[in-house]
Amino acid sequence: MGNCCSDSRAGTQAVGTGAGETGGGGGAEANDAVDYFFKGRGSYGLYSQIELSLSATNLRDRDVFSKSDPMGVVYAKRRDGKLEELGRTEVLLNSLDPVWVAKISVTYLFEVVQPLVFQVYDIDSDFHNVPVKTLKLEDQQFLGQATCVLSEIVTKSPRSFTVKLEPAEKGTDSKILGQLNIQAEECISSKTAVELILRCSNLENKDLLSKSDPFLLISKIAEGGASVPICKTEVKKNDLNPTWKPVILNLQQIGSKDNPLTIECYDFNSNGKHSLIGKMRKSLADLERLHNGHAGENFFLPSTDGHNKVLKGQMFVEKFHESVQHSFLDYIAGGCELNFMVAIDFTASNGNPRLPDSLHYIDHNGRLNAYQRAILEVGEVLQFYDTDKRFPAFGFGARPIDGPVSHCFNLSGSREHAEVDGIEGIMFSYESALRNVSLAGPTLFGPIINKAAQTATQSLTSDKQKYFVLLIITDGVITDLQETKDAIVKASDLPLSILIVGVGGADFKEMEILDADKGDRLESSSGRVATRDIVQFVPFRDVQSGEISIIQSLLAELPTQFLSYMRVRNILPLGVNGRN
């Protein structure tokens, strides 16, 4: 859809200005914790800014001597059901098939379900000279509304979604009200990133009894001259000639290859008062020239008299590689799917499901237990990224009728097929299983993870892009910790992420070991280290009473894990460079 209104479709004139009057905001609940997580790691692209372009066809004509003069309004629907206005289009005169120019800005959050409401009004001619943002909608004629979830829009190719307009209250108007088309565009000024390997030589020793422990801090110069850190290397212990692991700088953060960067080398001190070894100011373009010329650049120490002290220590650029870093939405728009799987803990430590104090108790008044809530909240997000919406559902730690204890059985009741239809199918199969199995034990994760890994492995032979997400909901401490580590390390090479929700009051320290956020990567019994972090663990009790929802905590790392798999294997989105 183009950005200009043609006379034939959009009417002869537009009134009101769209630019500067469209709202921002994400239409989601406060997301400070996840936002802090990403920004603390220098990652900003996962919160994609989306521009919505609207057009409509066959609108109802409410004017007597002319055609309707339509304007679109977009709302975010919050959890309490209230609508928050995100923005308005301009008013188009005499058009039943408008193509609005004004864009509505919304922040796409992967881990949040973001319901949107679109309303179309016929603006009375008495208000054509009034700025659209000050129009009182109750004074205008309502033409229809449509609802959808932002995920439904961004998963369509090419991010275009058409929905029928309906009356404000269903059943009140049987007439055809037309259709609304929503086009989404990701607002990223640059997806170019530069991978650098930096090395230093002859650094000054700042320690008395050992050598310096250097690290680099790279900052950009913001408006007003303030220095804003964007990247930091690891610390190299006792090394005056260090080479650090690769760092990646995104041009979206920096703005341009010619913008100056401040590179500071510090000697790490455990008290937090790091000693400055030296600094320099170079742009990415300068660093590229250093790399091409195999030359080093001397650090300096700033001086109050304006005469900086040039140091013996130098920095070299061992690698300078510029590439396009495709976003999460690039892969989704290209047809890549996230396939959702769930595994539920049926061990006896959950308590008798027939008693109200059991974690598996089904409240017939409609109150969901922790297992049901986790399934529903995570599934509501992920279902939009799976076209057939058939989800494998498993149980573990129970004894099916007339059988031994199983650590991986199909909730569907079928021996051959684990898939169920939709989130409703998972919920139904879970309740059904509670009536047909005997809770047992122990709590083993290895068989379930190996089953998910087997499914992910089979997908590698297909040309389709698929990524798998296994949700494990458990109440207890696992008894096969090393076997679980082995399974996770092996699965880290596959298109798979594992989400673990801990319910109840157990001690979940072992779960935190599996989640590599707080330490080194997992190591298998054979000494092999996981190629990437694929586990995210959240204790349900830590989030159920707070403002942040369980899925915001649980899904925070998923886009990063997804992109790490795709980028390490140089897998491009479908439709890029001739891929189909």
Protein backbone atom coordinates (compact mmCIF):
# COMPACT_ATOMS: atom_id res chain seq x y z
CA MET A 1 0.00 0.00 0.00
CA GLY A 2 1.43 3.33 -0.96
CA ASN A 3 1.91 6.40 1.21
CA CYS A 4 0.00 8.73 -1.11
CA CYS A 5 -3.75 9.01 -1.52
CA SER A 6 -5.01 8.66 -5.09
CA ASP A 7 -8.02 10.76 -6.13
CA SER A 8 -9.93 7.69 -7.30
CA ARG A 9 -9.73 5.77 -4.03
CA ALA A 10 -9.13 8.18 -1.20
CA GLY A 11 -11.28 11.14 -2.14
CA THR A 12 -10.28 14.50 -3.44
CA GLN A 13 -8.95 16.04 -0.26
CA ALA A 14 -7.63 15.28 3.20
CA VAL A 15 -8.38 17.36 6.24
CA GLY A 16 -6.44 17.37 9.48
CA THR A 17 -2.79 16.47 9.72
CA GLY A 18 -1.62 12.98 10.48
CA ALA A 19 2.03 13.88 11.01
CA GLY A 20 2.84 14.60 14.60
CA GLU A 21 -0.60 13.62 15.81
CA THR A 22 -0.36 9.86 15.80
CA GLY A 23 0.17 8.41 19.22
CA GLY A 24 2.99 6.25 20.50
CA GLY A 25 2.94 3.67 23.20
CA GLY A 26 2.74 -0.05 23.07
CA GLY A 27 -0.71 -0.82 24.31
CA ALA A 28 0.79 -3.28 26.77
CA GLU A 29 1.19 -3.29 30.50
CA ALA A 30 4.30 -1.80 32.10
CA ASN A 31 7.30 -3.72 30.92
CA ASP A 32 10.11 -2.15 32.91
CA ALA A 33 11.77 -5.39 33.99
CA VAL A 34 12.04 -6.83 30.49
CA ASP A 35 13.05 -3.43 29.13
CA TYR A 36 15.84 -3.24 31.72
CA PHE A 37 16.94 -6.77 30.80
CA PHE A 38 17.37 -5.94 27.11
CA LYS A 39 18.91 -2.51 27.59
CA GLY A 40 21.33 -3.89 30.15
CA ARG A 41 22.68 -6.10 27.38
CA GLY A 42 22.82 -3.35 24.78
CA SER A 43 19.93 -4.82 22.79
CA TYR A 44 17.28 -2.44 21.55
CA GLY A 45 16.01 -4.00 18.30
CA LEU A 46 13.80 -6.64 19.96
CA TYR A 47 11.32 -3.96 20.94
CA SER A 48 10.43 -3.13 17.38
CA GLN A 49 8.64 0.09 16.63
CA ILE A 50 5.81 -0.63 14.21
CA GLU A 51 3.98 1.85 11.99
CA LEU A 52 0.43 0.89 11.08
CA SER A 53 -1.03 2.16 7.81
CA LEU A 54 -4.80 1.96 7.42
CA SER A 55 -7.13 1.77 4.43
CA ALA A 56 -10.75 0.73 4.09
CA THR A 57 -13.14 -0.42 1.36
CA ASN A 58 -16.91 -0.21 0.95
CA LEU A 59 -17.54 2.00 3.94
CA ARG A 60 -21.13 2.79 4.75
CA ASP A 61 -22.29 6.17 3.37
CA ARG A 62 -23.81 8.24 6.17
CA ASP A 63 -24.00 11.58 4.28
CA VAL A 64 -27.06 12.71 2.32
CA PHE A 65 -25.62 14.91 -0.42
CA SER A 66 -22.07 13.55 -0.47
CA LYS A 67 -20.04 10.58 0.64
CA SER A 68 -18.73 9.97 4.15
CA ASP A 69 -15.64 11.83 5.38
CA PRO A 70 -13.88 9.02 7.29
CA MET A 71 -11.21 9.09 10.00
CA GLY A 72 -9.62 6.07 11.69
CA VAL A 73 -8.83 5.77 15.40
CA VAL A 74 -6.62 3.05 16.91
CA TYR A 75 -6.78 1.89 20.51
CA ALA A 76 -4.84 -0.56 22.66
CA LYS A 77 -7.09 -2.77 24.77
CA ARG A 78 -5.62 -3.24 28.22
CA ARG A 79 -6.10 -6.16 30.56
CA ASP A 80 -8.89 -4.44 32.47
CA GLY A 81 -10.78 -3.98 29.19
CA LYS A 82 -10.22 -0.24 28.98
CA LEU A 83 -9.21 1.32 25.67
CA GLU A 84 -6.16 3.56 25.39
CA GLU A 85 -6.02 5.68 22.27
CA LEU A 86 -2.81 5.27 20.28
CA GLY A 87 -3.52 7.66 17.43
CA ARG A 88 -5.80 8.98 14.70
CA THR A 89 -5.56 9.30 10.96
CA GLU A 90 -6.38 12.42 9.02
CA VAL A 91 -9.92 12.97 7.73
CA LEU A 92 -10.48 12.14 4.05
CA LEU A 93 -13.30 13.94 2.28
CA ASN A 94 -15.94 12.11 0.29
CA SER A 95 -14.47 8.64 0.28
CA LEU A 96 -15.92 5.21 0.91
CA ASP A 97 -12.57 3.60 0.03
CA PRO A 98 -10.07 5.71 1.99
CA VAL A 99 -6.31 5.21 2.05
CA TRP A 100 -5.08 7.24 4.99
CA VAL A 101 -1.57 8.74 4.96
CA ALA A 102 -1.08 9.20 8.70
CA LYS A 103 0.70 6.34 10.43
CA ILE A 104 -0.11 5.00 13.87
CA SER A 105 2.94 4.07 15.91
CA VAL A 106 2.91 1.10 18.28
CA THR A 107 5.72 -0.75 20.03
CA TYR A 108 5.69 -4.45 19.22
CA LEU A 109 6.46 -6.56 22.30
CA PHE A 110 6.96 -10.22 21.52
CA GLU A 111 6.12 -11.50 24.97
CA VAL A 112 2.86 -9.55 25.40
CA VAL A 113 -0.52 -10.17 23.78
CA GLN A 114 -1.46 -6.75 22.40
CA PRO A 115 -5.16 -6.48 21.47
CA LEU A 116 -5.94 -3.55 19.19
CA VAL A 117 -9.29 -1.91 18.41
CA PHE A 118 -9.81 0.08 15.21
CA GLN A 119 -12.76 2.45 14.88
CA VAL A 120 -13.86 4.46 11.84
CA TYR A 121 -15.92 7.65 12.08
CA ASP A 122 -17.62 9.94 9.58
CA ILE A 123 -16.52 13.44 10.56
CA ASP A 124 -19.23 16.09 10.36
CA SER A 125 -18.41 18.97 8.00
CA ASP A 126 -18.69 21.43 10.90
CA PHE A 127 -15.47 19.95 12.32
CA HIS A 128 -13.32 19.80 9.18
CA ASN A 129 -11.16 22.70 10.31
CA VAL A 130 -10.63 21.25 13.78
CA PRO A 131 -7.37 19.36 14.48
CA VAL A 132 -8.17 15.65 14.51
CA LYS A 133 -6.71 15.07 17.96
CA THR A 134 -9.21 17.50 19.50
CA LEU A 135 -12.29 16.03 17.83
CA LYS A 136 -14.94 14.72 20.21
CA LEU A 137 -15.81 11.30 18.87
CA GLU A 138 -19.25 11.33 20.45
CA ASP A 139 -20.12 14.20 18.08
CA GLN A 140 -19.26 12.10 15.01
CA GLN A 141 -21.09 9.29 13.24
CA PHE A 142 -19.76 5.82 13.96
CA LEU A 143 -19.05 3.74 10.83
CA GLY A 144 -17.75 0.51 12.34
CA GLN A 145 -14.96 -1.13 14.29
CA ALA A 146 -12.59 -4.07 14.04
CA THR A 147 -10.45 -5.91 16.58
CA CYS A 148 -7.34 -8.05 16.28
CA VAL A 149 -4.07 -8.79 18.03
CA LEU A 150 -0.86 -7.09 16.86
CA SER A 151 0.74 -10.53 16.48
CA GLU A 152 -1.90 -11.43 13.89
CA ILE A 153 -0.77 -8.49 11.76
CA VAL A 154 3.00 -8.97 11.94
CA THR A 155 2.77 -12.71 11.24
CA LYS A 156 0.92 -12.18 7.98
CA SER A 157 2.96 -11.87 4.80
CA PRO A 158 3.63 -9.13 3.82
CA ARG A 159 2.46 -7.86 7.24
CA SER A 160 -0.96 -6.98 5.87
CA PHE A 161 -4.18 -7.94 7.62
CA THR A 162 -7.77 -7.44 6.46
CA VAL A 163 -10.74 -7.62 8.82
CA LYS A 164 -14.45 -6.85 8.52
CA LEU A 165 -15.84 -3.77 10.20
CA GLU A 166 -18.61 -4.53 12.70
CA PRO A 167 -21.07 -2.48 14.72
CA ALA A 168 -20.09 -1.39 18.22
CA GLU A 169 -22.43 -4.02 19.63
CA LYS A 170 -22.86 -7.23 17.68
CA GLY A 171 -26.37 -7.88 16.43
CA THR A 172 -27.39 -4.22 16.43
CA ASP A 173 -26.75 -3.60 12.73
CA SER A 174 -26.96 -6.26 10.07
CA LYS A 175 -25.76 -4.05 7.22
CA ILE A 176 -22.37 -4.56 5.62
CA LEU A 177 -20.02 -1.95 7.08
CA GLY A 178 -17.00 -2.59 4.85
CA GLN A 179 -13.51 -3.87 5.46
CA LEU A 180 -10.39 -2.45 7.08
CA ASN A 181 -6.87 -3.24 5.87
CA ILE A 182 -3.94 -2.83 8.26
CA GLN A 183 -0.38 -2.72 6.95
CA ALA A 184 2.53 -2.96 9.39
CA GLU A 185 6.05 -1.69 8.75
CA GLU A 186 8.98 -2.10 11.08
CA CYS A 187 10.65 1.23 11.80
CA ILE A 188 14.35 0.45 11.89
CA SER A 189 16.60 3.09 10.41
CA SER A 190 19.49 0.67 10.04
CA LYS A 191 19.89 -3.08 10.47
CA THR A 192 23.58 -2.94 9.70
CA ALA A 193 25.91 -4.22 12.41
CA VAL A 194 29.68 -4.37 12.66
CA GLU A 195 31.53 -7.23 14.33
CA LEU A 196 34.87 -6.22 15.84
CA ILE A 197 37.74 -8.15 17.38
CA LEU A 198 39.96 -5.74 19.28
CA ARG A 199 43.49 -6.37 20.54
CA CYS A 200 45.85 -4.25 22.61
CA SER A 201 49.59 -4.32 23.15
CA ASN A 202 51.97 -2.85 25.72
CA LEU A 203 49.27 -1.67 28.10
CA GLU A 204 50.41 0.13 31.22
CA ASN A 205 50.47 -1.99 34.37
CA LYS A 206 48.26 -0.50 37.07
CA ASP A 207 48.68 -3.30 39.64
CA LEU A 208 51.49 -3.71 42.14
CA LEU A 209 51.65 -7.46 42.66
CA SER A 210 50.26 -8.63 39.32
CA LYS A 211 49.49 -7.42 35.82
CA SER A 212 46.49 -5.27 34.90
CA ASP A 213 43.09 -6.87 34.27
CA PRO A 214 41.98 -4.82 31.27
CA PHE A 215 38.58 -4.39 29.64
CA LEU A 216 37.26 -1.96 27.01
CA LEU A 217 34.26 0.33 27.35
CA ILE A 218 32.85 1.75 24.11
CA SER A 219 30.56 4.77 24.28
CA LYS A 220 28.81 6.96 21.76
CA ILE A 221 28.66 10.72 21.93
CA ALA A 222 25.07 11.85 22.40
CA GLU A 223 23.60 15.28 21.70
CA GLY A 224 25.10 17.80 24.06
CA GLY A 225 28.38 15.88 24.22
CA ALA A 226 27.35 13.35 26.86
CA SER A 227 28.99 9.94 26.67
CA VAL A 228 26.53 7.01 26.51
CA PRO A 229 28.00 3.49 27.00
CA ILE A 230 26.88 0.99 24.37
CA CYS A 231 29.28 -1.93 24.70
CA LYS A 232 31.75 -3.48 27.13
CA THR A 233 34.19 -6.36 26.63
CA GLU A 234 34.98 -9.06 29.13
CA VAL A 235 37.85 -8.64 31.59
CA LYS A 236 41.17 -10.28 30.65
CA LYS A 237 43.03 -11.31 33.79
CA ASN A 238 46.74 -10.47 34.18
CA ASP A 239 47.20 -9.51 30.54
CA LEU A 240 48.97 -6.46 29.12
CA ASN A 241 48.51 -7.71 25.54
CA PRO A 242 44.85 -8.82 25.53
CA THR A 243 42.62 -9.93 22.65
CA TRP A 244 38.94 -9.80 23.54
CA LYS A 245 36.01 -11.81 22.27
CA PRO A 246 34.11 -10.30 19.33
CA VAL A 247 31.80 -7.38 20.02
CA ILE A 248 28.92 -6.31 17.80
CA LEU A 249 27.96 -2.67 17.32
CA ASN A 250 24.62 -1.86 15.69
CA LEU A 251 24.47 1.21 13.48
CA GLN A 252 20.96 1.79 14.78
CA GLN A 253 22.55 2.61 18.14
CA ILE A 254 25.43 4.62 16.75
CA GLY A 255 23.64 6.41 13.91
CA SER A 256 26.48 6.50 11.38
CA LYS A 257 29.89 4.99 10.71
CA ASP A 258 31.30 8.52 10.92
CA ASN A 259 29.90 9.33 14.36
CA PRO A 260 32.65 9.48 16.99
CA LEU A 261 33.02 6.75 19.57
CA THR A 262 34.98 6.92 22.79
CA ILE A 263 36.98 3.77 23.53
CA GLU A 264 38.34 3.53 27.06
CA CYS A 265 40.59 0.82 28.46
CA TYR A 266 40.28 0.18 32.20
CA ASP A 267 42.05 -2.00 34.74
CA PHE A 268 39.31 -3.93 36.52
CA ASN A 269 39.12 -3.54 40.30
CA SER A 270 36.70 -5.60 42.37
CA ASN A 271 35.69 -2.54 44.40
CA GLY A 272 34.20 -1.00 41.28
CA LYS A 273 36.73 1.84 41.08
CA HIS A 274 38.36 0.82 37.83
CA SER A 275 41.59 2.54 36.86
CA LEU A 276 41.74 4.23 33.47
CA ILE A 277 44.63 2.83 31.45
CA GLY A 278 43.99 5.00 28.41
CA LYS A 279 41.36 6.20 25.95
CA MET A 280 40.89 7.22 22.32
CA ARG A 281 38.16 8.68 20.15
CA LYS A 282 37.50 6.91 16.87
CA SER A 283 34.56 6.39 14.55
CA LEU A 284 33.67 3.04 13.00
CA ALA A 285 35.10 4.37 9.76
CA ASP A 286 38.39 5.05 11.57
CA LEU A 287 38.40 1.52 13.01
CA GLU A 288 37.80 0.09 9.54
CA ARG A 289 40.84 2.00 8.24
CA LEU A 290 42.96 0.68 11.11
CA HIS A 291 41.90 -2.84 10.22
CA ASN A 292 42.58 -2.42 6.50
CA GLY A 293 45.96 -0.84 7.16
CA HIS A 294 46.99 -3.37 9.84
CA ALA A 295 47.90 -0.37 11.98
CA GLY A 296 47.58 0.35 15.68
CA GLU A 297 46.38 3.48 17.46
CA ASN A 298 47.97 4.81 20.64
CA PHE A 299 45.91 5.43 23.74
CA PHE A 300 46.16 8.74 25.55
CA LEU A 301 45.44 10.04 29.01
CA PRO A 302 43.48 13.29 29.13
CA SER A 303 45.13 16.24 30.81
CA THR A 304 43.58 19.32 32.39
CA ASP A 305 45.98 21.61 30.50
CA GLY A 306 44.74 20.34 27.14
CA HIS A 307 47.94 18.47 26.30
CA ASN A 308 46.96 14.82 26.35
CA LYS A 309 49.63 12.33 27.28
CA VAL A 310 50.20 9.84 24.44
CA LEU A 311 50.84 6.35 25.78
CA LYS A 312 52.92 3.45 24.56
CA GLY A 313 49.93 1.11 24.62
CA GLN A 314 48.11 0.58 21.33
CA MET A 315 44.87 -0.88 20.09
CA PHE A 316 44.54 -2.96 16.90
CA VAL A 317 41.41 -4.01 15.00
CA GLU A 318 41.91 -7.68 14.22
CA LYS A 319 38.49 -8.07 12.60
CA PHE A 320 36.04 -5.61 11.06
CA HIS A 321 33.02 -7.30 9.48
CA GLU A 322 29.96 -5.36 8.39
CA SER A 323 26.69 -7.23 7.86
CA VAL A 324 22.91 -6.87 7.96
CA GLN A 325 21.41 -8.08 11.23
CA HIS A 326 17.91 -9.23 10.38
CA SER A 327 15.32 -8.70 13.07
CA PHE A 328 13.01 -11.21 14.72
CA LEU A 329 10.11 -9.82 12.69
CA ASP A 330 12.04 -10.31 9.44
CA TYR A 331 12.04 -14.06 10.05
CA ILE A 332 8.40 -14.13 11.17
CA ALA A 333 7.25 -12.12 8.14
CA GLY A 334 9.23 -14.49 5.91
CA GLY A 335 7.18 -17.42 7.16
CA CYS A 336 9.31 -18.82 10.00
CA GLU A 337 7.12 -20.48 12.63
CA LEU A 338 7.45 -20.92 16.36
CA ASN A 339 6.10 -24.36 17.25
CA PHE A 340 4.79 -24.55 20.81
CA MET A 341 5.08 -27.69 22.97
CA VAL A 342 4.09 -28.14 26.60
CA ALA A 343 5.06 -30.69 29.28
CA ILE A 344 3.25 -30.93 32.61
CA ASP A 345 4.52 -32.39 35.89
CA PHE A 346 2.18 -35.10 37.24
CA THR A 347 4.35 -36.20 40.16
CA ALA A 348 2.73 -36.99 43.52
CA SER A 349 4.32 -33.99 45.24
CA ASN A 350 1.66 -31.83 43.56
CA GLY A 351 -0.92 -33.26 45.97
CA ASN A 352 -4.18 -35.07 45.42
CA PRO A 353 -5.94 -33.28 42.49
CA ARG A 354 -9.31 -33.82 44.18
CA LEU A 355 -8.31 -31.68 47.18
CA PRO A 356 -8.31 -27.84 47.14
CA ASP A 357 -4.74 -27.62 48.45
CA SER A 358 -3.38 -29.51 45.43
CA LEU A 359 -1.49 -27.60 42.75
CA HIS A 360 -3.55 -29.61 40.24
CA TYR A 361 -6.93 -28.82 41.81
CA ILE A 362 -9.53 -27.87 39.19
CA ASP A 363 -11.79 -25.16 40.60
CA HIS A 364 -15.20 -25.53 38.98
CA ASN A 365 -15.94 -21.88 39.79
CA GLY A 366 -13.51 -20.96 37.04
CA ARG A 367 -10.45 -19.95 39.06
CA LEU A 368 -7.37 -21.26 37.25
CA ASN A 369 -4.58 -23.13 39.02
CA ALA A 370 -0.94 -22.26 38.35
CA TYR A 371 -0.58 -24.94 35.66
CA GLN A 372 -3.62 -23.64 33.78
CA ARG A 373 -2.48 -20.05 34.05
CA ALA A 374 0.99 -20.82 32.69
CA ILE A 375 -0.46 -22.79 29.76
CA LEU A 376 -2.94 -20.06 28.95
CA GLU A 377 -0.63 -17.06 29.26
CA VAL A 378 2.29 -18.51 27.33
CA GLY A 379 0.05 -20.19 24.77
CA GLU A 380 -1.89 -17.00 24.09
CA VAL A 381 1.33 -15.35 22.90
CA LEU A 382 2.87 -18.22 20.96
CA GLN A 383 -0.27 -19.49 19.20
CA PHE A 384 -0.13 -16.69 16.62
CA TYR A 385 3.28 -17.87 15.39
CA ASP A 386 2.11 -21.41 14.52
CA THR A 387 -0.14 -21.67 11.46
CA ASP A 388 -1.85 -25.02 12.14
CA LYS A 389 -2.17 -24.38 15.90
CA ARG A 390 -1.71 -28.06 16.68
CA PHE A 391 0.48 -28.32 19.76
CA PRO A 392 2.26 -31.42 21.13
CA ALA A 393 1.31 -31.83 24.80
CA PHE A 394 3.06 -34.21 27.19
CA GLY A 395 2.94 -35.30 30.79
CA PHE A 396 5.65 -36.81 32.99
CA GLY A 397 6.00 -38.42 36.38
CA ALA A 398 2.70 -40.34 36.35
CA ARG A 399 1.39 -43.87 35.92
CA PRO A 400 -1.16 -44.15 33.11
CA ILE A 401 -3.94 -46.71 33.52
CA ASP A 402 -2.56 -50.27 33.48
CA GLY A 403 1.00 -49.13 32.82
CA PRO A 404 4.33 -48.31 34.50
CA VAL A 405 5.39 -44.81 35.52
CA SER A 406 6.07 -42.73 32.41
CA HIS A 407 8.33 -39.72 32.15
CA CYS A 408 7.00 -38.72 28.75
CA PHE A 409 3.45 -39.58 27.73
CA ASN A 410 0.96 -37.94 25.37
CA LEU A 411 -1.76 -35.91 27.08
CA SER A 412 -3.99 -36.57 24.08
CA GLY A 413 -4.43 -40.17 25.19
CA SER A 414 -3.19 -41.37 21.81
CA ARG A 415 -0.09 -43.53 21.60
CA GLU A 416 0.82 -42.22 18.15
CA HIS A 417 -0.11 -38.54 18.19
CA ALA A 418 0.88 -35.96 20.80
CA GLU A 419 -0.74 -32.98 19.06
CA VAL A 420 -3.93 -31.37 20.30
CA ASP A 421 -5.98 -28.58 18.73
CA GLY A 422 -5.20 -25.15 20.07
CA ILE A 423 -4.73 -23.88 23.60
CA GLU A 424 -8.22 -25.15 24.41
CA GLY A 425 -7.05 -28.63 23.42
CA ILE A 426 -4.12 -28.43 25.85
CA MET A 427 -6.39 -27.30 28.68
CA PHE A 428 -8.93 -30.05 27.97
CA SER A 429 -6.26 -32.77 27.67
CA TYR A 430 -4.64 -31.62 30.92
CA GLU A 431 -7.91 -31.89 32.84
CA SER A 432 -8.69 -35.23 31.20
CA ALA A 433 -5.26 -36.63 32.11
CA LEU A 434 -5.82 -35.75 35.77
CA ARG A 435 -8.77 -38.15 35.76
CA ASN A 436 -6.92 -40.95 33.98
CA VAL A 437 -3.44 -41.16 35.50
CA SER A 438 -2.03 -41.81 38.95
CA LEU A 439 0.43 -39.23 40.20
CA ALA A 440 3.81 -40.82 40.91
CA GLY A 441 7.47 -39.79 40.50
CA PRO A 442 10.36 -39.02 40.47
CA THR A 443 10.73 -35.70 38.61
CA LEU A 444 12.80 -36.29 35.47
CA PHE A 445 13.36 -33.68 32.75
CA GLY A 446 15.75 -35.62 30.53
CA PRO A 447 13.16 -37.70 28.62
CA ILE A 448 10.95 -34.69 27.89
CA ILE A 449 13.85 -32.52 26.65
CA ASN A 450 15.17 -35.37 24.51
CA LYS A 451 11.69 -35.80 22.99
CA ALA A 452 11.54 -32.09 22.09
CA ALA A 453 15.08 -32.26 20.71
CA GLN A 454 14.10 -35.21 18.55
CA THR A 455 11.22 -33.18 17.07
CA ALA A 456 13.52 -30.20 16.43
CA THR A 457 16.10 -32.48 14.80
CA GLN A 458 13.52 -33.90 12.40
CA SER A 459 12.63 -30.37 11.25
CA LEU A 460 16.21 -29.77 10.06
CA THR A 461 15.58 -31.99 7.03
CA SER A 462 12.70 -29.76 5.91
CA ASP A 463 13.13 -26.63 3.82
CA LYS A 464 10.66 -24.76 6.03
CA GLN A 465 11.98 -22.56 8.79
CA LYS A 466 10.80 -23.73 12.17
CA TYR A 467 11.82 -22.95 15.73
CA PHE A 468 10.51 -24.92 18.70
CA VAL A 469 9.54 -23.71 22.16
CA LEU A 470 9.09 -26.26 24.97
CA LEU A 471 7.20 -25.11 28.06
CA ILE A 472 7.84 -27.28 31.15
CA ILE A 473 5.65 -26.64 34.21
CA THR A 474 6.86 -28.36 37.37
CA ASP A 475 6.42 -28.26 41.13
CA GLY A 476 9.56 -30.01 42.29
CA VAL A 477 13.28 -30.41 42.35
CA ILE A 478 14.50 -32.59 39.51
CA THR A 479 16.31 -35.82 40.35
CA ASP A 480 18.19 -36.18 37.06
CA LEU A 481 20.12 -32.91 37.10
CA GLN A 482 23.17 -34.18 35.20
CA GLU A 483 21.07 -36.04 32.63
CA THR A 484 19.07 -32.84 32.15
CA LYS A 485 22.26 -30.85 31.67
CA ASP A 486 23.44 -33.37 29.07
CA ALA A 487 20.12 -33.10 27.21
CA ILE A 488 20.21 -29.27 27.25
CA VAL A 489 23.82 -29.10 26.05
CA LYS A 490 22.97 -31.43 23.17
CA ALA A 491 19.83 -29.43 22.35
CA SER A 492 21.71 -26.11 22.31
CA ASP A 493 22.72 -26.87 18.70
CA LEU A 494 19.06 -27.18 17.67
CA PRO A 495 16.28 -24.66 16.89
CA LEU A 496 14.86 -25.06 20.38
CA SER A 497 14.24 -22.96 23.50
CA ILE A 498 13.06 -24.33 26.85
CA LEU A 499 10.81 -22.34 29.18
CA ILE A 500 10.46 -23.66 32.74
CA VAL A 501 7.81 -22.47 35.18
CA GLY A 502 8.21 -23.55 38.80
CA VAL A 503 4.91 -23.71 40.71
CA GLY A 504 4.43 -24.22 44.44
CA GLY A 505 6.83 -23.58 47.27
CA ALA A 506 9.73 -25.91 46.44
CA ASP A 507 13.38 -24.86 46.43
CA PHE A 508 14.19 -24.23 42.77
CA LYS A 509 17.95 -23.59 43.03
CA GLU A 510 18.70 -26.42 40.61
CA MET A 511 16.40 -24.81 38.05
CA GLU A 512 18.40 -21.62 38.26
CA ILE A 513 21.51 -23.66 37.43
CA LEU A 514 19.86 -24.71 34.18
CA ASP A 515 19.15 -21.06 33.34
CA ALA A 516 22.60 -19.79 32.41
CA ASP A 517 21.84 -16.13 33.11
CA LYS A 518 23.57 -16.17 36.48
CA GLY A 519 26.69 -18.11 35.62
CA ASP A 520 28.70 -19.91 33.00
CA ARG A 521 27.15 -21.96 30.23
CA LEU A 522 26.08 -25.48 31.07
CA GLU A 523 28.61 -28.26 30.78
CA SER A 524 27.74 -31.88 30.02
CA SER A 525 29.12 -34.94 31.79
CA SER A 526 31.58 -35.36 28.90
CA GLY A 527 32.87 -31.79 29.32
CA ARG A 528 31.08 -30.30 26.33
CA VAL A 529 29.81 -26.75 26.86
CA ALA A 530 26.43 -25.55 25.56
CA THR A 531 26.80 -23.52 22.39
CA ARG A 532 24.17 -21.04 23.57
CA ASP A 533 21.75 -20.41 26.42
CA ILE A 534 18.37 -21.97 25.57
CA VAL A 535 16.70 -22.11 29.02
CA GLN A 536 14.64 -19.51 30.83
CA PHE A 537 13.32 -20.33 34.32
CA VAL A 538 10.72 -18.37 36.29
CA PRO A 539 9.32 -19.31 39.73
CA PHE A 540 5.59 -18.66 39.52
CA ARG A 541 5.48 -17.28 43.06
CA ASP A 542 7.90 -14.48 42.13
CA VAL A 543 5.62 -13.03 39.48
CA GLN A 544 2.03 -13.95 40.34
CA SER A 545 1.63 -11.08 42.81
CA GLY A 546 3.66 -8.49 40.94
CA GLU A 547 2.87 -6.11 38.13
CA ILE A 548 4.91 -8.02 35.57
CA SER A 549 3.11 -11.01 34.10
CA ILE A 550 4.59 -14.48 34.03
CA ILE A 551 5.07 -14.46 30.28
CA GLN A 552 6.89 -11.15 30.29
CA SER A 553 9.44 -12.78 32.59
CA LEU A 554 9.38 -16.11 30.82
CA LEU A 555 9.58 -14.96 27.21
CA ALA A 556 12.03 -12.11 27.72
CA GLU A 557 14.99 -14.05 26.31
CA LEU A 558 13.19 -15.98 23.57
CA PRO A 559 13.75 -13.52 20.67
CA THR A 560 17.44 -13.30 21.61
CA GLN A 561 17.77 -17.10 21.70
CA PHE A 562 15.95 -17.37 18.38
CA LEU A 563 18.22 -14.80 16.70
CA SER A 564 21.37 -16.35 18.16
CA TYR A 565 20.49 -19.67 16.52
CA MET A 566 19.69 -18.08 13.14
CA ARG A 567 22.75 -15.83 13.08
CA VAL A 568 25.30 -18.41 14.20
CA ARG A 569 24.12 -20.68 11.40
CA ASN A 570 23.84 -17.81 8.92
CA ILE A 571 20.19 -18.64 8.25
CA LEU A 572 18.53 -15.74 6.43
CA PRO A 573 14.81 -14.95 6.51
CA LEU A 574 12.84 -16.35 3.60
CA GLY A 575 12.56 -13.82 0.81
CA VAL A 576 16.02 -12.32 1.50
CA ASN A 577 18.60 -12.57 -1.29
CA GLY A 578 16.36 -14.75 -3.41
CA ARG A 579 15.46 -17.21 -0.63
CA ASN A 580 12.01 -18.71 -0.97
